[in-house]
Amino acid sequence: MCFYNYAYSNEIEDLYRKNISNLKVSDFEWKTSLQSTQPIFKLIEIKNNSDISFKDIELEIQIYNDRDVLYKFPIIINDSIKKSESKKYENVTGNILLPFTPIRTEVAIKNAKIDFSSSAEFDPAKNIIIQDVEYIIDSSASKTISFQKLSYKNISRSFYGDIRLLVSVFDQNNNLISEELISNNQPISPGETISLAPLTIGVSNSSNATSISITLMDANIISPKTYMSSGGKMKNIKIEDIYQDIDSKYDEIPIASDDLRILDFNWKSKARNTQGIIILDLFNDSLFDYSDIIFEIYFLNQRGNTVNKRRFKHNPTIEATKKTKISVNAGIMDFDFSNIQIAIKSAEPKINLKAKKLNNVKTDRESPKTIKDVTRKVIKQEMTASEITESIIILDYDISSNIGFFRLMNLLDEDISEVYIKLENTSNKEKIIKLKMLRARAEKKYLGIDLEDLLGGGDKIISITITKAFK
């Protein structure tokens, strides 16, 4: 998936890919797994058969009910495992309530970070140095530390992000009286210096403070692609000793937020309590095809504050150097707003060997635009059978009396507008029930379901099937 030509960055990512498959869950045992309780594992054992150390391991717990319906949830192990090491973790708890009692359980490694702390070549503590610190301690009612100067420099060949600095505050006897954290999401490239001043931070106890020390607490190693897509300024930094001809390589890096440009957009439907549909004019100004594009829609009030935020995923491919019109589902318009903003958060790139960069295409890069046009046509996106199976769970129901209920859960990150459930009784009579609006990552109880026509004459309902659903 990496199509950029940075050998050093590829070395890091190759190192990760070759070793993450050798990090495995070797054993686990449930302690608490009943429906509506917090999941607790008596133990989870992880074995690292790779050549490198890992930390911050993300587990994916996959549980199945008696109907073979799958439900997934993550658990993070905030620990490091050295190469060729095996570790057992006891009383591992998930931060959810179980939707059902699992009949079958699988535990997999979903993600992990490389632990570079043992390697000077990658260790941020050795590669990022603190420079030019000047500060004033205010021990009055405000209890703050004001920095006139505070900067740090990357003296390595690596790229870093998510910088965290620890400010330790001492009294006149050099006793530690407070610790404060400074976080900066701005990425840093080889040889780059970043200044945080002027900066003022609060201190929990500064009455007796006389001095401070600053250390690098943590930083994540990143690739040049991530550096630039996160707002880095590599093109303005002289690092010819690391990478040659950096400007010509810039076009060979897929950066979705830069390559995909929203030229214009208009509402197709935004009537109250209907499905909002936006038509986008999208231009792919790159040599890459993009698919699985994630759009984020911000709904603003008259003051420009965000009152709601929704995401939409466009699966079909947007070809390189092409202009395309696409339809974006903004969800049910059941709230008030004045304007919107649309941002491209991510996309999956694939190099297009036949594409040639167009230098004469004029594009409008102004964003956001204000939308005022309104039409009423509603477009629904039908879910596939696999999406329904993986995303909609029937948590509870009552089909024993003439007026029944269903309680459903939506595991998707987007709303489901309609769910169709087919019921069949002992006389082979069928009925389709239509249930509306199941919110993202939420459950809903539907009351007052009329079942009288299926339960007459001593019949019972013997089959419940979700046949269709729409996003």
Protein backbone atom coordinates (compact mmCIF):
# COMPACT_ATOMS: atom_id res chain seq x y z
CA MET A 1 0.00 0.00 0.00
CA CYS A 2 3.05 2.30 0.26
CA PHE A 3 3.92 3.83 -3.09
CA TYR A 4 6.33 6.56 -2.03
CA ASN A 5 10.05 6.19 -2.67
CA TYR A 6 11.66 6.75 0.71
CA ALA A 7 13.89 3.77 1.37
CA TYR A 8 14.47 4.62 5.01
CA SER A 9 10.76 4.96 5.74
CA ASN A 10 10.02 1.72 3.90
CA GLU A 11 12.64 0.03 6.04
CA ILE A 12 10.68 0.93 9.17
CA GLU A 13 7.33 -0.14 7.74
CA ASP A 14 8.79 -3.38 6.36
CA LEU A 15 10.22 -4.07 9.80
CA TYR A 16 6.73 -3.69 11.27
CA ARG A 17 4.94 -5.83 8.69
CA LYS A 18 7.46 -8.67 8.87
CA ASN A 19 7.21 -8.92 12.66
CA ILE A 20 3.62 -8.04 13.67
CA SER A 21 2.38 -11.39 12.28
CA ASN A 22 4.61 -13.15 14.82
CA LEU A 23 2.89 -11.44 17.75
CA LYS A 24 0.14 -13.85 18.80
CA VAL A 25 -2.42 -14.56 21.53
CA SER A 26 -1.34 -18.01 22.72
CA ASP A 27 -4.01 -18.55 25.40
CA PHE A 28 -6.97 -16.91 27.13
CA GLU A 29 -9.62 -17.77 29.70
CA TRP A 30 -12.89 -16.03 30.57
CA LYS A 31 -13.64 -14.91 34.12
CA THR A 32 -16.93 -13.03 33.50
CA SER A 33 -18.82 -13.35 30.21
CA LEU A 34 -22.53 -13.06 31.00
CA GLN A 35 -24.87 -10.83 29.00
CA SER A 36 -25.11 -7.21 30.27
CA THR A 37 -21.95 -7.58 32.37
CA GLN A 38 -18.51 -6.09 31.84
CA PRO A 39 -16.26 -8.64 30.09
CA ILE A 40 -13.35 -9.83 32.23
CA PHE A 41 -10.70 -12.34 31.16
CA LYS A 42 -9.07 -14.38 33.92
CA LEU A 43 -5.93 -14.36 31.79
CA ILE A 44 -4.70 -13.49 28.31
CA GLU A 45 -1.30 -14.77 27.25
CA ILE A 46 0.61 -13.07 24.43
CA LYS A 47 3.73 -14.51 22.85
CA ASN A 48 6.15 -12.40 20.81
CA ASN A 49 7.97 -14.67 18.36
CA SER A 50 9.31 -11.73 16.34
CA ASP A 51 12.72 -10.06 16.20
CA ILE A 52 11.58 -6.73 17.68
CA SER A 53 9.78 -5.46 20.79
CA PHE A 54 6.17 -4.20 20.75
CA LYS A 55 4.11 -1.96 23.04
CA ASP A 56 0.51 -0.64 23.37
CA ILE A 57 -1.00 -3.85 21.97
CA GLU A 58 -4.59 -3.58 20.71
CA LEU A 59 -6.57 -6.79 20.97
CA GLU A 60 -9.77 -7.46 19.02
CA ILE A 61 -12.22 -9.62 20.94
CA GLN A 62 -14.61 -11.46 18.61
CA ILE A 63 -17.62 -13.09 20.25
CA TYR A 64 -20.48 -15.09 18.68
CA ASN A 65 -23.96 -15.85 20.04
CA ASP A 66 -26.05 -18.98 19.50
CA ARG A 67 -27.15 -17.63 16.09
CA ASP A 68 -23.52 -17.18 15.04
CA VAL A 69 -23.88 -13.38 15.09
CA LEU A 70 -20.49 -11.68 15.44
CA TYR A 71 -19.79 -8.78 17.84
CA LYS A 72 -16.34 -7.16 18.16
CA PHE A 73 -14.75 -4.90 20.76
CA PRO A 74 -11.16 -3.78 21.47
CA ILE A 75 -8.98 -4.12 24.57
CA ILE A 76 -5.69 -2.22 24.89
CA ILE A 77 -2.72 -3.78 26.71
CA ASN A 78 -0.64 -0.81 27.90
CA ASP A 79 2.59 -2.72 28.24
CA SER A 80 5.61 -3.73 26.18
CA ILE A 81 6.67 -7.24 25.18
CA LYS A 82 10.27 -7.86 24.23
CA LYS A 83 11.29 -10.07 21.34
CA SER A 84 11.01 -13.81 22.04
CA GLU A 85 9.09 -13.04 25.24
CA SER A 86 5.79 -14.49 26.48
CA LYS A 87 3.59 -12.61 28.97
CA LYS A 88 0.42 -13.46 30.88
CA TYR A 89 -2.05 -10.69 31.82
CA GLU A 90 -4.62 -11.34 34.53
CA ASN A 91 -8.06 -9.78 35.06
CA VAL A 92 -8.10 -8.05 31.67
CA THR A 93 -11.30 -5.98 31.43
CA GLY A 94 -13.19 -4.57 28.45
CA ASN A 95 -14.93 -1.18 28.67
CA ILE A 96 -18.34 -2.31 27.39
CA LEU A 97 -21.37 -4.31 28.51
CA LEU A 98 -21.72 -7.60 26.68
CA PRO A 99 -24.73 -7.64 24.31
CA PHE A 100 -25.09 -11.40 24.81
CA THR A 101 -23.40 -14.37 26.50
CA PRO A 102 -20.72 -15.62 24.07
CA ILE A 103 -21.05 -19.13 22.71
CA ARG A 104 -17.71 -18.84 20.90
CA THR A 105 -14.81 -16.41 21.46
CA GLU A 106 -11.72 -15.51 19.46
CA VAL A 107 -8.98 -13.09 20.57
CA ALA A 108 -6.70 -11.59 17.93
CA ILE A 109 -3.90 -9.02 17.70
CA LYS A 110 -5.31 -6.06 15.79
CA ASN A 111 -2.47 -3.57 16.16
CA ALA A 112 0.66 -2.73 18.12
CA LYS A 113 3.40 -0.14 18.14
CA ILE A 114 7.07 -0.93 17.69
CA ASP A 115 8.91 -0.33 20.95
CA PHE A 116 12.06 1.53 19.95
CA SER A 117 13.14 2.37 23.51
CA SER A 118 15.98 -0.17 23.39
CA SER A 119 17.37 1.17 20.10
CA ALA A 120 19.34 4.41 20.03
CA GLU A 121 18.74 4.68 16.30
CA PHE A 122 14.99 5.17 16.80
CA ASP A 123 14.62 6.08 20.50
CA PRO A 124 12.98 9.54 20.69
CA ALA A 125 14.51 10.20 24.10
CA LYS A 126 17.95 10.15 22.47
CA ASN A 127 16.92 11.82 19.21
CA ILE A 128 14.84 14.81 20.35
CA ILE A 129 16.71 17.33 22.49
CA ILE A 130 15.30 20.25 24.49
CA GLN A 131 16.71 23.69 23.59
CA ASP A 132 16.43 27.35 24.64
CA VAL A 133 14.32 27.22 27.80
CA GLU A 134 13.42 30.53 29.50
CA TYR A 135 10.53 30.71 31.97
CA ILE A 136 8.90 32.64 34.83
CA ILE A 137 7.16 30.93 37.76
CA ASP A 138 4.07 32.76 39.02
CA SER A 139 3.31 31.56 42.57
CA SER A 140 0.36 33.94 43.06
CA ALA A 141 -3.27 32.96 42.71
CA SER A 142 -2.82 32.09 39.04
CA LYS A 143 -0.14 29.42 39.77
CA THR A 144 1.40 29.24 36.29
CA ILE A 145 4.69 28.83 34.46
CA SER A 146 5.18 31.17 31.49
CA PHE A 147 7.75 30.19 28.84
CA GLN A 148 9.40 32.99 26.84
CA LYS A 149 11.53 30.35 25.11
CA LEU A 150 10.87 26.62 24.74
CA SER A 151 11.97 24.57 21.74
CA TYR A 152 13.18 21.11 20.83
CA LYS A 153 15.20 19.72 17.90
CA ASN A 154 15.20 16.38 16.09
CA ILE A 155 18.86 15.39 15.65
CA SER A 156 18.10 11.99 14.08
CA ARG A 157 17.18 10.60 10.64
CA SER A 158 13.69 9.62 11.86
CA PHE A 159 10.35 11.43 11.69
CA TYR A 160 8.27 11.81 14.86
CA GLY A 161 4.76 12.86 15.88
CA ASP A 162 2.67 13.18 19.05
CA ILE A 163 5.43 14.80 21.09
CA ARG A 164 4.91 14.81 24.88
CA LEU A 165 7.12 16.81 27.25
CA LEU A 166 7.20 16.38 31.03
CA VAL A 167 7.71 19.53 33.11
CA SER A 168 8.99 18.67 36.60
CA VAL A 169 8.69 21.46 39.21
CA PHE A 170 11.06 21.61 42.23
CA ASP A 171 11.32 23.64 45.46
CA GLN A 172 14.49 25.31 46.77
CA ASN A 173 15.65 21.99 48.29
CA ASN A 174 15.27 20.29 44.90
CA ASN A 175 12.26 18.28 46.07
CA LEU A 176 9.74 17.40 43.37
CA ILE A 177 6.43 19.19 44.06
CA SER A 178 4.57 18.91 40.74
CA GLU A 179 4.64 17.33 37.28
CA GLU A 180 2.82 18.79 34.27
CA LEU A 181 2.47 17.40 30.72
CA ILE A 182 2.83 19.40 27.49
CA SER A 183 1.52 17.68 24.34
CA ASN A 184 2.15 18.81 20.75
CA ASN A 185 0.65 17.03 17.73
CA GLN A 186 2.83 18.92 15.23
CA PRO A 187 5.16 16.40 13.53
CA ILE A 188 8.91 16.94 13.37
CA SER A 189 11.33 15.92 10.60
CA PRO A 190 15.09 15.20 10.68
CA GLY A 191 17.03 18.36 11.59
CA GLU A 192 13.87 20.38 12.34
CA THR A 193 13.47 22.62 15.39
CA ILE A 194 10.01 23.39 16.80
CA SER A 195 9.29 26.27 19.18
CA LEU A 196 6.34 26.16 21.59
CA ALA A 197 6.83 29.63 23.10
CA PRO A 198 5.19 31.83 24.13
CA LEU A 199 3.39 29.28 26.29
CA THR A 200 1.75 29.36 29.73
CA ILE A 201 0.79 26.22 31.66
CA GLY A 202 -1.02 25.78 34.95
CA VAL A 203 0.75 24.19 37.92
CA SER A 204 -1.11 22.33 40.63
CA ASN A 205 1.26 23.48 43.40
CA SER A 206 3.64 26.32 42.68
CA SER A 207 3.72 28.10 46.07
CA ASN A 208 7.26 26.88 46.86
CA ALA A 209 8.46 26.35 43.30
CA THR A 210 11.89 27.69 42.40
CA SER A 211 13.04 25.66 39.38
CA ILE A 212 11.92 23.22 36.70
CA SER A 213 13.34 20.57 34.40
CA ILE A 214 11.93 19.44 31.04
CA THR A 215 12.33 15.96 29.57
CA LEU A 216 10.91 14.21 26.54
CA MET A 217 8.32 11.77 27.85
CA ASP A 218 7.29 10.14 24.57
CA ALA A 219 6.99 10.49 20.78
CA ASN A 220 5.80 8.19 17.99
CA ILE A 221 7.97 7.41 14.99
CA ILE A 222 6.16 8.16 11.71
CA SER A 223 6.87 7.97 7.97
CA PRO A 224 7.53 10.97 5.68
CA LYS A 225 4.08 10.41 4.16
CA THR A 226 2.43 10.74 7.56
CA TYR A 227 4.64 13.73 8.36
CA MET A 228 3.41 15.70 5.35
CA SER A 229 -0.21 14.64 5.60
CA SER A 230 -0.15 15.79 9.25
CA GLY A 231 0.92 19.30 8.32
CA GLY A 232 4.69 18.95 8.25
CA LYS A 233 6.85 21.42 6.32
CA MET A 234 9.43 19.08 4.83
CA LYS A 235 9.71 21.06 1.58
CA ASN A 236 11.07 24.04 3.51
CA ILE A 237 13.75 22.04 5.33
CA LYS A 238 17.19 21.26 3.94
CA ILE A 239 17.76 17.56 4.44
CA GLU A 240 19.60 16.74 1.21
CA ASP A 241 21.97 14.51 3.12
CA ILE A 242 19.02 12.19 3.87
CA TYR A 243 16.84 12.32 0.76
CA GLN A 244 17.80 13.66 -2.66
CA ASP A 245 15.47 15.61 -4.96
CA ILE A 246 12.72 15.82 -2.37
CA ASP A 247 10.42 18.02 -4.50
CA SER A 248 10.21 15.56 -7.39
CA LYS A 249 9.33 12.76 -4.96
CA TYR A 250 6.55 14.81 -3.37
CA ASP A 251 4.17 14.01 -6.25
CA GLU A 252 4.90 10.31 -5.81
CA ILE A 253 3.40 10.26 -2.29
CA PRO A 254 -0.35 9.61 -1.97
CA ILE A 255 -1.82 12.18 0.43
CA ALA A 256 -5.61 11.96 0.18
CA SER A 257 -6.36 15.29 1.86
CA ASP A 258 -4.17 17.07 -0.72
CA ASP A 259 -4.83 14.93 -3.82
CA LEU A 260 -8.63 14.87 -3.55
CA ARG A 261 -10.15 18.32 -3.91
CA ILE A 262 -13.77 19.28 -3.36
CA LEU A 263 -14.44 21.75 -6.18
CA ASP A 264 -18.07 22.39 -5.31
CA PHE A 265 -21.02 20.79 -3.54
CA ASN A 266 -24.78 21.27 -3.38
CA TRP A 267 -27.66 19.77 -1.45
CA LYS A 268 -29.87 17.31 -3.25
CA SER A 269 -32.01 16.83 -0.15
CA LYS A 270 -31.98 18.34 3.33
CA ALA A 271 -35.68 18.51 4.22
CA ARG A 272 -36.43 18.06 7.91
CA ASN A 273 -36.56 14.43 9.08
CA THR A 274 -35.47 13.08 5.69
CA GLN A 275 -32.16 11.63 4.52
CA GLY A 276 -29.70 14.41 3.70
CA ILE A 277 -27.96 13.95 0.34
CA ILE A 278 -25.07 16.14 -0.88
CA ILE A 279 -23.69 16.06 -4.44
CA LEU A 280 -19.92 16.64 -4.51
CA ASP A 281 -17.79 17.72 -7.47
CA LEU A 282 -14.56 15.90 -6.64
CA PHE A 283 -11.25 16.24 -8.50
CA ASN A 284 -8.44 13.72 -8.08
CA ASP A 285 -5.35 15.82 -8.77
CA SER A 286 -2.83 12.98 -8.47
CA LEU A 287 -1.33 9.92 -10.12
CA PHE A 288 -3.20 7.62 -7.74
CA ASP A 289 -6.62 6.03 -7.82
CA TYR A 290 -8.47 6.40 -4.50
CA SER A 291 -11.17 4.23 -2.94
CA ASP A 292 -12.80 3.90 0.50
CA ILE A 293 -12.83 7.68 0.93
CA ILE A 294 -13.93 8.89 4.36
CA PHE A 295 -15.69 12.29 4.35
CA GLU A 296 -16.39 14.16 7.57
CA ILE A 297 -19.34 16.57 7.54
CA TYR A 298 -19.45 19.39 10.12
CA PHE A 299 -22.84 21.02 10.75
CA LEU A 300 -22.50 24.64 11.94
CA ASN A 301 -24.85 27.07 13.66
CA GLN A 302 -25.09 30.78 12.80
CA ARG A 303 -22.06 31.55 14.97
CA GLY A 304 -19.95 28.99 13.13
CA ASN A 305 -19.85 26.50 16.01
CA THR A 306 -20.15 22.78 15.26
CA VAL A 307 -23.50 21.39 16.44
CA ASN A 308 -23.13 17.93 14.89
CA LYS A 309 -20.59 15.83 13.01
CA ARG A 310 -21.10 12.82 10.77
CA ARG A 311 -18.98 10.58 8.55
CA PHE A 312 -19.66 8.99 5.17
CA LYS A 313 -17.62 6.34 3.35
CA HIS A 314 -17.48 6.29 -0.47
CA ASN A 315 -16.28 2.85 -1.58
CA PRO A 316 -16.06 3.13 -5.42
CA THR A 317 -12.74 4.16 -6.96
CA ILE A 318 -12.05 7.77 -7.94
CA GLU A 319 -9.61 7.51 -10.85
CA ALA A 320 -6.39 9.51 -11.11
CA THR A 321 -6.57 12.98 -12.75
CA LYS A 322 -10.37 12.73 -13.11
CA LYS A 323 -13.30 14.92 -12.08
CA THR A 324 -16.21 12.97 -10.60
CA LYS A 325 -19.66 13.71 -9.17
CA ILE A 326 -20.54 11.60 -6.14
CA SER A 327 -23.52 11.40 -3.80
CA VAL A 328 -22.80 11.74 -0.07
CA ASN A 329 -25.26 10.51 2.56
CA ALA A 330 -25.40 13.07 5.41
CA GLY A 331 -27.84 11.09 7.56
CA ILE A 332 -31.30 12.05 8.84
CA MET A 333 -31.75 15.84 9.07
CA ASP A 334 -33.37 15.85 12.52
CA PHE A 335 -31.60 18.92 13.95
CA ASP A 336 -31.16 22.62 13.10
CA PHE A 337 -28.02 24.07 11.44
CA SER A 338 -27.03 26.98 9.19
CA ASN A 339 -24.01 25.87 7.15
CA ILE A 340 -21.76 22.87 6.69
CA GLN A 341 -18.11 22.08 6.13
CA ILE A 342 -16.81 18.91 4.46
CA ALA A 343 -13.34 17.47 4.98
CA ILE A 344 -11.60 14.44 3.49
CA LYS A 345 -10.17 12.43 6.40
CA SER A 346 -8.63 9.39 4.66
CA ALA A 347 -8.66 7.18 1.56
CA GLU A 348 -6.98 4.06 0.21
CA PRO A 349 -4.53 4.83 -2.66
CA LYS A 350 -3.49 2.67 -5.58
CA ILE A 351 -0.96 3.79 -8.15
CA ASN A 352 -2.27 4.33 -11.68
CA LEU A 353 0.54 3.57 -14.11
CA LYS A 354 -1.38 5.04 -17.07
CA ALA A 355 -2.20 8.37 -15.45
CA LYS A 356 -0.43 11.58 -16.47
CA LYS A 357 -0.50 14.64 -14.24
CA LEU A 358 -2.65 17.44 -15.67
CA ASN A 359 -1.01 20.83 -15.14
CA ASN A 360 -3.68 22.90 -16.89
CA VAL A 361 -6.69 22.02 -14.75
CA LYS A 362 -8.02 24.93 -12.78
CA THR A 363 -9.35 24.01 -9.36
CA ASP A 364 -11.12 25.95 -6.68
CA ARG A 365 -9.39 25.20 -3.38
CA GLU A 366 -11.56 27.46 -1.25
CA SER A 367 -13.26 25.53 1.52
CA PRO A 368 -15.68 25.38 3.15
CA LYS A 369 -18.60 26.50 1.01
CA THR A 370 -22.04 27.53 2.25
CA ILE A 371 -24.98 25.42 1.11
CA LYS A 372 -28.42 27.00 0.76
CA ASP A 373 -30.23 25.08 -2.01
CA VAL A 374 -32.84 22.51 -0.93
CA THR A 375 -34.51 19.67 -2.86
CA ARG A 376 -36.52 16.75 -1.51
CA LYS A 377 -35.41 13.57 -3.28
CA VAL A 378 -34.11 10.91 -0.84
CA ILE A 379 -31.54 8.27 -1.82
CA LYS A 380 -31.01 5.21 0.38
CA GLN A 381 -28.00 2.90 0.36
CA GLU A 382 -28.95 -0.75 0.79
CA MET A 383 -26.71 -2.80 3.07
CA THR A 384 -25.27 -6.11 1.91
CA ALA A 385 -26.13 -9.38 3.63
CA SER A 386 -22.69 -9.54 5.27
CA GLU A 387 -23.02 -5.95 6.51
CA ILE A 388 -26.38 -6.79 8.09
CA THR A 389 -24.97 -9.90 9.79
CA GLU A 390 -21.94 -8.05 11.18
CA SER A 391 -23.62 -4.76 12.08
CA ILE A 392 -27.17 -5.37 13.38
CA ILE A 393 -27.85 -7.45 16.48
CA ILE A 394 -31.27 -8.41 17.86
CA LEU A 395 -30.54 -8.03 21.58
CA ASP A 396 -34.01 -8.90 22.89
CA TYR A 397 -37.59 -9.42 21.74
CA ASP A 398 -41.11 -10.48 22.80
CA ILE A 399 -43.13 -12.33 20.14
CA SER A 400 -45.42 -14.28 22.47
CA SER A 401 -48.33 -11.81 22.60
CA ASN A 402 -50.32 -9.78 20.08
CA ILE A 403 -48.31 -6.60 20.89
CA GLY A 404 -44.59 -7.36 20.92
CA PHE A 405 -41.27 -5.51 20.89
CA PHE A 406 -37.73 -5.74 19.46
CA ARG A 407 -34.50 -4.31 20.88
CA LEU A 408 -31.77 -3.86 18.24
CA MET A 409 -28.15 -2.70 18.34
CA ASN A 410 -26.29 -0.92 15.51
CA LEU A 411 -22.53 -1.60 15.53
CA LEU A 412 -21.79 0.76 12.62
CA ASP A 413 -20.30 4.25 12.93
CA GLU A 414 -23.22 5.60 10.88
CA ASP A 415 -27.00 5.63 11.24
CA ILE A 416 -29.21 2.89 9.77
CA SER A 417 -32.40 4.46 8.40
CA GLU A 418 -34.54 1.32 7.96
CA VAL A 419 -34.46 -2.33 9.08
CA TYR A 420 -36.81 -4.98 7.64
CA ILE A 421 -37.53 -8.06 9.78
CA LYS A 422 -39.37 -11.09 8.41
CA LEU A 423 -41.43 -13.20 10.84
CA GLU A 424 -42.82 -16.66 10.05
CA ASN A 425 -45.32 -18.65 12.11
CA THR A 426 -46.06 -22.38 12.42
CA SER A 427 -48.59 -22.13 9.56
CA ASN A 428 -45.85 -20.77 7.25
CA LYS A 429 -47.50 -17.35 7.23
CA GLU A 430 -45.01 -14.49 6.84
CA LYS A 431 -45.02 -10.84 7.83
CA ILE A 432 -42.46 -8.07 7.14
CA ILE A 433 -41.96 -5.47 9.88
CA LYS A 434 -40.28 -2.17 9.00
CA LEU A 435 -38.32 -0.45 11.79
CA LYS A 436 -36.97 3.07 11.30
CA MET A 437 -33.84 4.94 12.42
CA LEU A 438 -31.26 2.98 14.38
CA ARG A 439 -28.57 5.40 15.49
CA ALA A 440 -24.84 4.78 15.04
CA ARG A 441 -23.22 2.72 17.82
CA ALA A 442 -26.51 2.64 19.74
CA GLU A 443 -29.38 0.36 20.67
CA LYS A 444 -33.13 1.04 20.40
CA LYS A 445 -36.27 -0.64 21.68
CA TYR A 446 -39.20 -0.72 19.23
CA LEU A 447 -42.52 -1.08 21.07
CA GLY A 448 -46.09 -1.76 19.94
CA ILE A 449 -45.34 -4.31 17.18
CA ASP A 450 -48.67 -5.74 15.93
CA LEU A 451 -48.39 -9.55 15.80
CA GLU A 452 -52.07 -10.45 16.01
CA ASP A 453 -52.26 -11.76 12.42
CA LEU A 454 -49.44 -14.24 13.10
CA LEU A 455 -50.52 -15.49 16.54
CA GLY A 456 -54.20 -16.29 15.86
CA GLY A 457 -55.56 -19.86 16.01
CA GLY A 458 -52.84 -21.13 18.35
CA ASP A 459 -49.97 -20.34 15.95
CA LYS A 460 -46.52 -19.40 17.20
CA ILE A 461 -43.74 -17.42 15.56
CA ILE A 462 -40.88 -19.77 14.78
CA SER A 463 -38.54 -17.67 12.60
CA ILE A 464 -37.07 -14.16 12.84
CA THR A 465 -34.81 -12.90 10.00
CA ILE A 466 -33.43 -9.48 9.14
CA THR A 467 -33.94 -9.41 5.37
CA LYS A 468 -32.97 -5.84 4.41
CA ALA A 469 -31.51 -2.67 5.89
CA PHE A 470 -30.66 0.77 4.53
CA LYS A 471 -28.08 3.37 5.58
